[in-house]
Amino acid sequence: MKDELGLQKLLKILFIIILVCIIFALIFKGITTITRKHKAPKKEAEQAEKKAEKKETEEAQIIENVTYNDLEGRIKLAAERYENDNYQGKLESTETYILKYDMLKEKGYIEKKLIDPNSGEECAGYVIFKKMEAKISYTPYIKCGNNYQTVGYDASN
């Protein structure tokens, strides 16, 4: 009889220990879920901070005394790099190629956006390049809102 009481007490203690373990496991799972929920806003905050830094960089570009000729030079240089990477100078002499600013930006050929130094707005543009005898000529065209437009700029390009 004494052994039965000892066994019952042992089973009760074992049951309580298992119950406590289950409770701790549920609490720990809840803490982990809460922690994960708090990490998501941190990522969003980091992304917002990066966007703010990027905007500050673009605004700083305005202050740097960037000229429209500088912007035309940047898009022209991007077109030259694109041509070197994709055609390596092997162009047909009769072909005219148009590279749009958005495409050059998408493909990573433009490091800094073309920002209007007067308004801070992003400019539009394109480069026409063609082979003329042994040389390739690159002609950049940009339009920066109502502030500037390269002579000969064609909005349909």
N, C-alpha and C. Protein backbone atom coordinates (compact mmCIF):
# COMPACT_ATOMS: atom_id res chain seq x y z
N MET A 1 0.81 -1.18 0.00
CA MET A 1 0.00 0.00 0.00
C MET A 1 0.87 1.26 0.00
N LYS A 2 1.96 1.19 0.79
CA LYS A 2 2.85 2.31 0.83
C LYS A 2 3.50 2.55 -0.52
N ASP A 3 3.82 1.48 -1.25
CA ASP A 3 4.42 1.60 -2.56
C ASP A 3 3.45 2.25 -3.55
N GLU A 4 2.15 1.92 -3.40
CA GLU A 4 1.16 2.52 -4.28
C GLU A 4 1.06 4.03 -4.06
N LEU A 5 1.10 4.48 -2.79
CA LEU A 5 1.05 5.90 -2.49
C LEU A 5 2.30 6.60 -3.02
N GLY A 6 3.45 5.96 -2.90
CA GLY A 6 4.70 6.53 -3.41
C GLY A 6 4.67 6.64 -4.93
N LEU A 7 4.10 5.63 -5.56
CA LEU A 7 3.98 5.63 -7.01
C LEU A 7 3.00 6.71 -7.47
N GLN A 8 1.89 6.88 -6.76
CA GLN A 8 0.93 7.92 -7.10
C GLN A 8 1.55 9.30 -6.96
N LYS A 9 2.30 9.52 -5.86
CA LYS A 9 2.96 10.81 -5.68
C LYS A 9 3.97 11.05 -6.80
N LEU A 10 4.71 10.01 -7.16
CA LEU A 10 5.70 10.12 -8.23
C LEU A 10 5.02 10.48 -9.56
N LEU A 11 3.90 9.84 -9.86
CA LEU A 11 3.16 10.13 -11.08
C LEU A 11 2.61 11.55 -11.07
N LYS A 12 2.12 12.01 -9.91
CA LYS A 12 1.62 13.38 -9.81
C LYS A 12 2.75 14.38 -10.05
N ILE A 13 3.91 14.13 -9.45
CA ILE A 13 5.05 15.03 -9.64
C ILE A 13 5.49 15.03 -11.10
N LEU A 14 5.54 13.86 -11.68
CA LEU A 14 5.91 13.75 -13.10
C LEU A 14 4.91 14.49 -13.98
N PHE A 15 3.62 14.37 -13.68
CA PHE A 15 2.57 15.06 -14.42
C PHE A 15 2.75 16.58 -14.30
N ILE A 16 3.03 17.05 -13.09
CA ILE A 16 3.23 18.49 -12.86
C ILE A 16 4.45 18.99 -13.64
N ILE A 17 5.53 18.22 -13.64
CA ILE A 17 6.75 18.61 -14.36
C ILE A 17 6.46 18.71 -15.86
N ILE A 18 5.74 17.75 -16.41
CA ILE A 18 5.40 17.77 -17.84
C ILE A 18 4.51 18.97 -18.15
N LEU A 19 3.55 19.23 -17.27
CA LEU A 19 2.65 20.36 -17.46
C LEU A 19 3.44 21.68 -17.43
N VAL A 20 4.36 21.82 -16.50
CA VAL A 20 5.19 23.03 -16.41
C VAL A 20 6.04 23.18 -17.68
N CYS A 21 6.60 22.08 -18.19
CA CYS A 21 7.39 22.12 -19.42
C CYS A 21 6.55 22.60 -20.61
N ILE A 22 5.33 22.09 -20.70
CA ILE A 22 4.44 22.51 -21.80
C ILE A 22 4.14 24.00 -21.68
N ILE A 23 3.87 24.47 -20.48
CA ILE A 23 3.58 25.90 -20.28
C ILE A 23 4.78 26.74 -20.68
N PHE A 24 5.99 26.35 -20.25
CA PHE A 24 7.19 27.09 -20.63
C PHE A 24 7.41 27.09 -22.15
N ALA A 25 7.14 25.96 -22.79
CA ALA A 25 7.30 25.88 -24.24
C ALA A 25 6.34 26.84 -24.94
N LEU A 26 5.10 26.91 -24.48
CA LEU A 26 4.12 27.82 -25.07
C LEU A 26 4.52 29.29 -24.84
N ILE A 27 5.01 29.58 -23.64
CA ILE A 27 5.45 30.95 -23.36
C ILE A 27 6.63 31.31 -24.25
N PHE A 28 7.60 30.41 -24.37
CA PHE A 28 8.78 30.67 -25.20
C PHE A 28 8.39 30.89 -26.65
N LYS A 29 7.45 30.08 -27.15
CA LYS A 29 6.98 30.23 -28.52
C LYS A 29 6.33 31.60 -28.71
N GLY A 30 5.55 32.05 -27.73
CA GLY A 30 4.93 33.37 -27.79
C GLY A 30 5.96 34.47 -27.81
N ILE A 31 7.02 34.35 -27.03
CA ILE A 31 8.08 35.36 -26.99
C ILE A 31 8.80 35.40 -28.34
N THR A 32 9.05 34.24 -28.91
CA THR A 32 9.72 34.17 -30.21
C THR A 32 8.87 34.85 -31.27
N THR A 33 7.57 34.61 -31.25
CA THR A 33 6.66 35.22 -32.22
C THR A 33 6.65 36.74 -32.05
N ILE A 34 6.61 37.20 -30.84
CA ILE A 34 6.63 38.64 -30.57
C ILE A 34 7.93 39.25 -31.07
N THR A 35 9.04 38.57 -30.82
CA THR A 35 10.35 39.06 -31.26
C THR A 35 10.39 39.18 -32.78
N ARG A 36 9.87 38.19 -33.48
CA ARG A 36 9.83 38.24 -34.95
C ARG A 36 8.99 39.41 -35.44
N LYS A 37 7.88 39.66 -34.76
CA LYS A 37 7.02 40.77 -35.16
C LYS A 37 7.73 42.10 -34.98
N HIS A 38 8.60 42.18 -33.99
CA HIS A 38 9.34 43.43 -33.75
C HIS A 38 10.49 43.61 -34.73
N LYS A 39 10.98 42.53 -35.31
CA LYS A 39 12.07 42.64 -36.28
C LYS A 39 11.58 43.24 -37.59
N ALA A 40 10.36 42.94 -38.02
CA ALA A 40 9.84 43.45 -39.28
C ALA A 40 9.81 44.98 -39.31
N PRO A 41 9.31 45.65 -38.28
CA PRO A 41 9.35 47.11 -38.31
C PRO A 41 10.78 47.66 -38.35
N LYS A 42 11.73 46.93 -37.76
CA LYS A 42 13.12 47.38 -37.81
C LYS A 42 13.61 47.39 -39.25
N LYS A 43 13.27 46.34 -40.02
CA LYS A 43 13.67 46.30 -41.42
C LYS A 43 13.03 47.45 -42.19
N GLU A 44 11.76 47.69 -41.92
CA GLU A 44 11.08 48.79 -42.59
C GLU A 44 11.73 50.12 -42.23
N ALA A 45 12.13 50.26 -40.97
CA ALA A 45 12.79 51.49 -40.54
C ALA A 45 14.14 51.64 -41.23
N GLU A 46 14.87 50.53 -41.35
CA GLU A 46 16.16 50.57 -42.04
C GLU A 46 15.97 50.97 -43.50
N GLN A 47 14.96 50.42 -44.16
CA GLN A 47 14.69 50.77 -45.56
C GLN A 47 14.31 52.24 -45.68
N ALA A 48 13.50 52.73 -44.76
CA ALA A 48 13.12 54.13 -44.79
C ALA A 48 14.34 55.02 -44.58
N GLU A 49 15.24 54.58 -43.69
CA GLU A 49 16.46 55.35 -43.44
C GLU A 49 17.35 55.38 -44.68
N LYS A 50 17.46 54.23 -45.38
CA LYS A 50 18.25 54.19 -46.61
C LYS A 50 17.66 55.12 -47.67
N LYS A 51 16.32 55.14 -47.79
CA LYS A 51 15.67 56.02 -48.75
C LYS A 51 15.95 57.48 -48.41
N ALA A 52 15.91 57.79 -47.12
CA ALA A 52 16.18 59.17 -46.70
C ALA A 52 17.62 59.56 -47.02
N GLU A 53 18.56 58.62 -46.79
CA GLU A 53 19.97 58.88 -47.12
C GLU A 53 20.13 59.10 -48.62
N LYS A 54 19.43 58.28 -49.41
CA LYS A 54 19.51 58.41 -50.87
C LYS A 54 18.97 59.77 -51.31
N LYS A 55 17.87 60.19 -50.71
CA LYS A 55 17.29 61.49 -51.05
C LYS A 55 18.25 62.61 -50.66
N GLU A 56 18.89 62.47 -49.50
CA GLU A 56 19.86 63.48 -49.07
C GLU A 56 21.02 63.56 -50.05
N THR A 57 21.46 62.39 -50.55
CA THR A 57 22.54 62.35 -51.53
C THR A 57 22.13 63.08 -52.80
N GLU A 58 20.91 62.82 -53.25
CA GLU A 58 20.42 63.47 -54.46
C GLU A 58 20.29 64.98 -54.24
N GLU A 59 19.84 65.37 -53.05
CA GLU A 59 19.74 66.79 -52.76
C GLU A 59 21.12 67.42 -52.68
N ALA A 60 22.09 66.67 -52.15
CA ALA A 60 23.47 67.17 -52.07
C ALA A 60 24.02 67.38 -53.46
N GLN A 61 23.59 66.54 -54.40
CA GLN A 61 24.05 66.67 -55.79
C GLN A 61 23.64 68.03 -56.35
N ILE A 62 22.48 68.53 -55.96
CA ILE A 62 22.01 69.83 -56.42
C ILE A 62 22.96 70.92 -55.94
N ILE A 63 23.39 70.79 -54.69
CA ILE A 63 24.25 71.78 -54.08
C ILE A 63 25.67 71.74 -54.67
N GLU A 64 26.07 70.63 -55.24
CA GLU A 64 27.43 70.45 -55.76
C GLU A 64 27.73 71.30 -56.99
N ASN A 65 26.85 72.18 -57.41
CA ASN A 65 27.05 72.99 -58.61
C ASN A 65 27.13 72.14 -59.87
N VAL A 66 26.28 71.15 -59.96
CA VAL A 66 26.21 70.30 -61.15
C VAL A 66 25.56 71.13 -62.26
N THR A 67 26.13 71.03 -63.45
CA THR A 67 25.57 71.76 -64.59
C THR A 67 24.82 70.78 -65.50
N TYR A 68 24.05 71.34 -66.42
CA TYR A 68 23.35 70.49 -67.38
C TYR A 68 24.35 69.79 -68.30
N ASN A 69 25.46 70.45 -68.58
CA ASN A 69 26.51 69.79 -69.38
C ASN A 69 27.07 68.58 -68.64
N ASP A 70 27.19 68.68 -67.31
CA ASP A 70 27.64 67.53 -66.51
C ASP A 70 26.66 66.37 -66.65
N LEU A 71 25.37 66.68 -66.60
CA LEU A 71 24.35 65.64 -66.72
C LEU A 71 24.40 65.00 -68.11
N GLU A 72 24.58 65.81 -69.14
CA GLU A 72 24.70 65.27 -70.49
C GLU A 72 25.95 64.39 -70.59
N GLY A 73 27.02 64.81 -69.94
CA GLY A 73 28.25 64.02 -69.94
C GLY A 73 28.06 62.67 -69.25
N ARG A 74 27.31 62.66 -68.16
CA ARG A 74 27.06 61.40 -67.43
C ARG A 74 26.29 60.40 -68.28
N ILE A 75 25.23 60.88 -68.95
CA ILE A 75 24.42 59.95 -69.75
C ILE A 75 25.21 59.49 -70.98
N LYS A 76 26.06 60.38 -71.52
CA LYS A 76 26.90 60.01 -72.66
C LYS A 76 27.90 58.93 -72.24
N LEU A 77 28.54 59.10 -71.09
CA LEU A 77 29.49 58.12 -70.59
C LEU A 77 28.81 56.76 -70.34
N ALA A 78 27.61 56.81 -69.81
CA ALA A 78 26.85 55.57 -69.58
C ALA A 78 26.57 54.86 -70.90
N ALA A 79 26.22 55.62 -71.94
CA ALA A 79 25.95 55.03 -73.26
C ALA A 79 27.23 54.43 -73.84
N GLU A 80 28.36 55.09 -73.65
CA GLU A 80 29.63 54.55 -74.14
C GLU A 80 29.95 53.21 -73.46
N ARG A 81 29.74 53.16 -72.15
CA ARG A 81 29.99 51.90 -71.43
C ARG A 81 29.04 50.80 -71.90
N TYR A 82 27.77 51.16 -72.11
CA TYR A 82 26.79 50.20 -72.60
C TYR A 82 27.21 49.66 -73.97
N GLU A 83 27.59 50.56 -74.86
CA GLU A 83 28.01 50.15 -76.20
C GLU A 83 29.23 49.24 -76.12
N ASN A 84 30.21 49.59 -75.30
CA ASN A 84 31.40 48.75 -75.16
C ASN A 84 31.06 47.36 -74.62
N ASP A 85 30.15 47.29 -73.66
CA ASP A 85 29.76 46.01 -73.08
C ASP A 85 28.94 45.15 -74.03
N ASN A 86 28.12 45.79 -74.86
CA ASN A 86 27.16 45.03 -75.67
C ASN A 86 27.50 44.92 -77.15
N TYR A 87 28.24 45.88 -77.69
CA TYR A 87 28.55 45.85 -79.12
C TYR A 87 30.04 45.81 -79.41
N GLN A 88 30.84 46.23 -78.47
CA GLN A 88 32.30 46.29 -78.61
C GLN A 88 32.74 46.94 -79.92
N GLY A 89 32.04 47.98 -80.33
CA GLY A 89 32.42 48.71 -81.53
C GLY A 89 32.00 48.05 -82.83
N LYS A 90 31.34 46.91 -82.77
CA LYS A 90 30.94 46.18 -83.98
C LYS A 90 29.54 46.60 -84.40
N LEU A 91 29.43 47.82 -84.87
CA LEU A 91 28.14 48.36 -85.30
C LEU A 91 28.10 48.44 -86.82
N GLU A 92 26.91 48.34 -87.35
CA GLU A 92 26.72 48.57 -88.78
C GLU A 92 26.85 50.08 -89.02
N SER A 93 27.49 50.46 -90.10
CA SER A 93 27.74 51.89 -90.33
C SER A 93 26.46 52.68 -90.62
N THR A 94 25.39 52.00 -91.01
CA THR A 94 24.16 52.72 -91.34
C THR A 94 23.19 52.79 -90.17
N GLU A 95 23.42 52.03 -89.13
CA GLU A 95 22.48 51.96 -88.00
C GLU A 95 22.62 53.14 -87.05
N THR A 96 21.50 53.62 -86.55
CA THR A 96 21.47 54.62 -85.48
C THR A 96 20.82 53.96 -84.28
N TYR A 97 21.45 54.08 -83.11
CA TYR A 97 20.95 53.45 -81.89
C TYR A 97 20.51 54.53 -80.91
N ILE A 98 19.41 54.28 -80.23
CA ILE A 98 18.93 55.20 -79.21
C ILE A 98 18.88 54.44 -77.88
N LEU A 99 19.60 54.98 -76.90
CA LEU A 99 19.60 54.39 -75.56
C LEU A 99 18.89 55.35 -74.62
N LYS A 100 17.81 54.90 -74.02
CA LYS A 100 17.03 55.75 -73.12
C LYS A 100 17.65 55.75 -71.73
N TYR A 101 17.53 56.89 -71.08
CA TYR A 101 18.05 57.08 -69.72
C TYR A 101 17.51 56.02 -68.77
N ASP A 102 16.20 55.75 -68.82
CA ASP A 102 15.60 54.78 -67.90
C ASP A 102 16.23 53.41 -68.05
N MET A 103 16.49 52.99 -69.28
CA MET A 103 17.10 51.68 -69.52
C MET A 103 18.54 51.66 -68.98
N LEU A 104 19.29 52.73 -69.23
CA LEU A 104 20.67 52.80 -68.74
C LEU A 104 20.71 52.78 -67.21
N LYS A 105 19.74 53.43 -66.60
CA LYS A 105 19.64 53.46 -65.14
C LYS A 105 19.28 52.07 -64.62
N GLU A 106 18.28 51.43 -65.25
CA GLU A 106 17.84 50.09 -64.84
C GLU A 106 18.98 49.07 -64.89
N LYS A 107 19.79 49.16 -65.93
CA LYS A 107 20.86 48.19 -66.13
C LYS A 107 22.13 48.55 -65.36
N GLY A 108 22.09 49.65 -64.61
CA GLY A 108 23.21 50.00 -63.74
C GLY A 108 24.34 50.77 -64.41
N TYR A 109 24.09 51.33 -65.57
CA TYR A 109 25.13 52.11 -66.25
C TYR A 109 25.20 53.55 -65.74
N ILE A 110 24.18 53.98 -65.02
CA ILE A 110 24.17 55.32 -64.44
C ILE A 110 24.22 55.16 -62.93
N GLU A 111 25.31 55.67 -62.31
CA GLU A 111 25.45 55.54 -60.86
C GLU A 111 24.55 56.54 -60.13
N LYS A 112 24.60 57.79 -60.57
CA LYS A 112 23.79 58.83 -59.95
C LYS A 112 22.67 59.22 -60.90
N LYS A 113 21.49 59.41 -60.34
CA LYS A 113 20.36 59.85 -61.17
C LYS A 113 20.68 61.22 -61.76
N LEU A 114 20.06 61.49 -62.88
CA LEU A 114 20.20 62.81 -63.50
C LEU A 114 19.19 63.74 -62.82
N ILE A 115 19.68 64.52 -61.87
CA ILE A 115 18.81 65.41 -61.09
C ILE A 115 19.02 66.84 -61.55
N ASP A 116 17.91 67.51 -61.84
CA ASP A 116 17.95 68.92 -62.26
C ASP A 116 18.58 69.75 -61.14
N PRO A 117 19.68 70.44 -61.42
CA PRO A 117 20.35 71.21 -60.37
C PRO A 117 19.52 72.39 -59.85
N ASN A 118 18.49 72.77 -60.57
CA ASN A 118 17.67 73.90 -60.13
C ASN A 118 16.42 73.48 -59.37
N SER A 119 15.81 72.39 -59.79
CA SER A 119 14.53 72.01 -59.17
C SER A 119 14.64 70.78 -58.27
N GLY A 120 15.67 69.97 -58.47
CA GLY A 120 15.80 68.73 -57.70
C GLY A 120 15.00 67.59 -58.28
N GLU A 121 14.32 67.80 -59.39
CA GLU A 121 13.53 66.76 -60.04
C GLU A 121 14.43 65.93 -60.95
N GLU A 122 14.03 64.69 -61.18
CA GLU A 122 14.79 63.82 -62.06
C GLU A 122 14.55 64.22 -63.52
N CYS A 123 15.61 64.24 -64.30
CA CYS A 123 15.53 64.59 -65.71
C CYS A 123 15.20 63.35 -66.54
N ALA A 124 14.80 63.57 -67.77
CA ALA A 124 14.60 62.51 -68.75
C ALA A 124 15.72 62.64 -69.78
N GLY A 125 15.94 61.61 -70.55
CA GLY A 125 16.97 61.74 -71.58
C GLY A 125 17.21 60.48 -72.36
N TYR A 126 18.11 60.62 -73.32
CA TYR A 126 18.50 59.51 -74.16
C TYR A 126 19.80 59.90 -74.85
N VAL A 127 20.46 58.89 -75.44
CA VAL A 127 21.68 59.13 -76.20
C VAL A 127 21.51 58.45 -77.55
N ILE A 128 21.86 59.17 -78.60
CA ILE A 128 21.88 58.57 -79.93
C ILE A 128 23.33 58.29 -80.26
N PHE A 129 23.60 57.05 -80.65
CA PHE A 129 24.96 56.76 -81.09
C PHE A 129 24.93 56.02 -82.42
N LYS A 130 25.94 56.32 -83.22
CA LYS A 130 26.04 55.67 -84.53
C LYS A 130 27.50 55.64 -84.94
N LYS A 131 27.79 54.73 -85.83
CA LYS A 131 29.15 54.59 -86.33
C LYS A 131 29.30 55.50 -87.54
N MET A 132 30.34 56.30 -87.50
CA MET A 132 30.64 57.20 -88.61
C MET A 132 32.07 56.89 -89.01
N GLU A 133 32.21 56.19 -90.13
CA GLU A 133 33.50 55.69 -90.59
C GLU A 133 34.08 54.77 -89.52
N ALA A 134 35.23 55.10 -88.95
CA ALA A 134 35.85 54.22 -87.96
C ALA A 134 35.49 54.60 -86.53
N LYS A 135 34.84 55.73 -86.35
CA LYS A 135 34.51 56.22 -85.00
C LYS A 135 33.03 56.07 -84.71
N ILE A 136 32.72 56.03 -83.42
CA ILE A 136 31.33 56.01 -82.98
C ILE A 136 31.04 57.36 -82.35
N SER A 137 29.97 58.01 -82.80
CA SER A 137 29.61 59.30 -82.21
C SER A 137 28.45 59.09 -81.24
N TYR A 138 28.51 59.80 -80.12
CA TYR A 138 27.49 59.74 -79.08
C TYR A 138 26.94 61.15 -78.89
N THR A 139 25.62 61.30 -79.00
CA THR A 139 25.01 62.60 -78.81
C THR A 139 23.95 62.48 -77.70
N PRO A 140 24.23 63.11 -76.53
CA PRO A 140 23.27 63.03 -75.42
C PRO A 140 22.19 64.10 -75.52
N TYR A 141 21.00 63.77 -75.09
CA TYR A 141 19.89 64.70 -75.04
C TYR A 141 19.20 64.54 -73.68
N ILE A 142 19.00 65.65 -72.99
CA ILE A 142 18.28 65.58 -71.72
C ILE A 142 17.21 66.66 -71.67
N LYS A 143 16.19 66.39 -70.85
CA LYS A 143 15.13 67.38 -70.60
C LYS A 143 14.89 67.36 -69.09
N CYS A 144 15.08 68.52 -68.49
CA CYS A 144 14.92 68.67 -67.05
C CYS A 144 13.75 69.61 -66.77
N GLY A 145 12.56 69.04 -66.76
CA GLY A 145 11.36 69.84 -66.51
C GLY A 145 11.26 71.01 -67.48
N ASN A 146 10.93 72.17 -66.95
CA ASN A 146 10.84 73.38 -67.77
C ASN A 146 12.13 74.19 -67.71
N ASN A 147 13.14 73.67 -66.99
CA ASN A 147 14.37 74.43 -66.78
C ASN A 147 15.39 74.30 -67.91
N TYR A 148 15.46 73.10 -68.51
CA TYR A 148 16.51 72.90 -69.52
C TYR A 148 16.10 71.78 -70.46
N GLN A 149 16.48 71.95 -71.71
CA GLN A 149 16.29 70.91 -72.71
C GLN A 149 17.41 71.05 -73.72
N THR A 150 18.11 69.95 -74.02
CA THR A 150 19.17 69.97 -75.02
C THR A 150 18.56 70.34 -76.37
N VAL A 151 19.26 71.17 -77.12
CA VAL A 151 18.79 71.54 -78.45
C VAL A 151 18.67 70.26 -79.28
N GLY A 152 17.53 70.07 -79.90
CA GLY A 152 17.29 68.88 -80.71
C GLY A 152 16.63 67.75 -79.96
N TYR A 153 16.34 67.94 -78.68
CA TYR A 153 15.68 66.90 -77.86
C TYR A 153 14.33 66.56 -78.49
N ASP A 154 14.07 65.26 -78.64
CA ASP A 154 12.81 64.80 -79.21
C ASP A 154 12.09 63.95 -78.16
N ALA A 155 10.98 64.42 -77.68
CA ALA A 155 10.24 63.74 -76.60
C ALA A 155 9.77 62.36 -77.02
N SER A 156 9.68 62.08 -78.31
CA SER A 156 9.19 60.76 -78.75
C SER A 156 10.28 59.69 -78.64
N ASN A 157 11.52 60.08 -78.39
CA ASN A 157 12.61 59.08 -78.24
C ASN A 157 12.66 58.55 -76.84
